[in-house]
Amino acid sequence: MVCESLLIVHRAGRFVVARAAANRFELTRTADGWKIQRRVTRALDGTPESRDLLALDR
């Protein structure tokens, strides 16, 4: 599973995006339900690594 996340903070009377990231989760089903086996996070800063991580879900 791949998704994006935003950290939004309140500064000087307005809300701004402090950080944007791409996240890839690898899940495993256990007797207790789904668990995160591995998570990879890359900053969405225009680098090939973040774009490649988002492309893995296609």
C-alpha atoms as a PDB file:
ATOM      1  CA  MET A   1       0.000   0.000   0.000  1.00  0.00           C
ATOM      2  CA  VAL A   2       1.324   3.451  -0.917  1.00  0.00           C
ATOM      3  CA  CYS A   3      -0.004   6.791   0.306  1.00  0.00           C
ATOM      4  CA  GLU A   4       1.001  10.376   0.909  1.00  0.00           C
ATOM      5  CA  SER A   5       1.018  12.229   4.219  1.00  0.00           C
ATOM      6  CA  LEU A   6       1.113  15.893   5.199  1.00  0.00           C
ATOM      7  CA  LEU A   7       2.186  17.511   8.443  1.00  0.00           C
ATOM      8  CA  ILE A   8       0.156  20.716   8.732  1.00  0.00           C
ATOM      9  CA  VAL A   9       1.035  23.212  11.451  1.00  0.00           C
ATOM     10  CA  HIS A  10      -0.459  26.488  12.625  1.00  0.00           C
ATOM     11  CA  ARG A  11       2.006  29.368  12.350  1.00  0.00           C
ATOM     12  CA  ALA A  12       1.430  33.090  12.587  1.00  0.00           C
ATOM     13  CA  GLY A  13      -2.352  32.737  12.377  1.00  0.00           C
ATOM     14  CA  ARG A  14      -2.446  30.404   9.367  1.00  0.00           C
ATOM     15  CA  PHE A  15      -2.016  26.744   8.522  1.00  0.00           C
ATOM     16  CA  VAL A  16       1.001  25.691   6.452  1.00  0.00           C
ATOM     17  CA  VAL A  17       2.376  22.377   5.207  1.00  0.00           C
ATOM     18  CA  ALA A  18       5.549  21.723   7.185  1.00  0.00           C
ATOM     19  CA  ARG A  19       6.336  18.351   5.594  1.00  0.00           C
ATOM     20  CA  ALA A  20       4.971  16.154   2.806  1.00  0.00           C
ATOM     21  CA  ALA A  21       5.970  12.512   2.450  1.00  0.00           C
ATOM     22  CA  ALA A  22       5.330   9.355   0.445  1.00  0.00           C
ATOM     23  CA  ASN A  23       4.783   6.213   2.515  1.00  0.00           C
ATOM     24  CA  ARG A  24       4.891   2.560   1.476  1.00  0.00           C
ATOM     25  CA  PHE A  25       3.480  -0.060   3.844  1.00  0.00           C
ATOM     26  CA  GLU A  26       3.997  -3.804   3.561  1.00  0.00           C
ATOM     27  CA  LEU A  27       1.335  -5.620   5.557  1.00  0.00           C
ATOM     28  CA  THR A  28       1.167  -9.111   7.018  1.00  0.00           C
ATOM     29  CA  ARG A  29      -1.999 -10.845   8.120  1.00  0.00           C
ATOM     30  CA  THR A  30      -1.735 -12.402  11.576  1.00  0.00           C
ATOM     31  CA  ALA A  31      -4.187 -14.182  13.845  1.00  0.00           C
ATOM     32  CA  ASP A  32      -4.813 -10.772  15.472  1.00  0.00           C
ATOM     33  CA  GLY A  33      -5.431  -8.982  12.157  1.00  0.00           C
ATOM     34  CA  TRP A  34      -3.287  -6.990   9.748  1.00  0.00           C
ATOM     35  CA  LYS A  35       0.071  -5.726  11.021  1.00  0.00           C
ATOM     36  CA  ILE A  36       2.657  -3.443   9.451  1.00  0.00           C
ATOM     37  CA  GLN A  37       5.659  -5.562   8.544  1.00  0.00           C
ATOM     38  CA  ARG A  38       7.678  -2.747   6.943  1.00  0.00           C
ATOM     39  CA  ARG A  39       7.202   0.961   6.336  1.00  0.00           C
ATOM     40  CA  VAL A  40       9.313   3.161   4.074  1.00  0.00           C
ATOM     41  CA  THR A  41       8.885   6.952   4.125  1.00  0.00           C
ATOM     42  CA  ARG A  42      10.486   9.461   1.754  1.00  0.00           C
ATOM     43  CA  ALA A  43      10.131  13.242   1.798  1.00  0.00           C
ATOM     44  CA  LEU A  44       8.226  14.586  -1.209  1.00  0.00           C
ATOM     45  CA  ASP A  45      11.014  16.954  -2.171  1.00  0.00           C
ATOM     46  CA  GLY A  46      11.296  16.260  -5.899  1.00  0.00           C
ATOM     47  CA  THR A  47      13.990  13.594  -5.594  1.00  0.00           C
ATOM     48  CA  PRO A  48      13.757  10.421  -7.676  1.00  0.00           C
ATOM     49  CA  GLU A  49      13.484   8.298  -4.496  1.00  0.00           C
ATOM     50  CA  SER A  50      10.154   9.824  -3.486  1.00  0.00           C
ATOM     51  CA  ARG A  51       8.728   9.627  -7.011  1.00  0.00           C
ATOM     52  CA  ASP A  52       9.881   6.003  -7.330  1.00  0.00           C
ATOM     53  CA  LEU A  53       8.228   5.081  -4.044  1.00  0.00           C
ATOM     54  CA  LEU A  54       4.880   6.487  -5.232  1.00  0.00           C
ATOM     55  CA  ALA A  55       5.205   4.682  -8.578  1.00  0.00           C
ATOM     56  CA  LEU A  56       5.456   1.272  -6.839  1.00  0.00           C
ATOM     57  CA  ASP A  57       1.685   1.213  -6.279  1.00  0.00           C
ATOM     58  CA  ARG A  58       0.802   1.344  -9.968  1.00  0.00           C
END
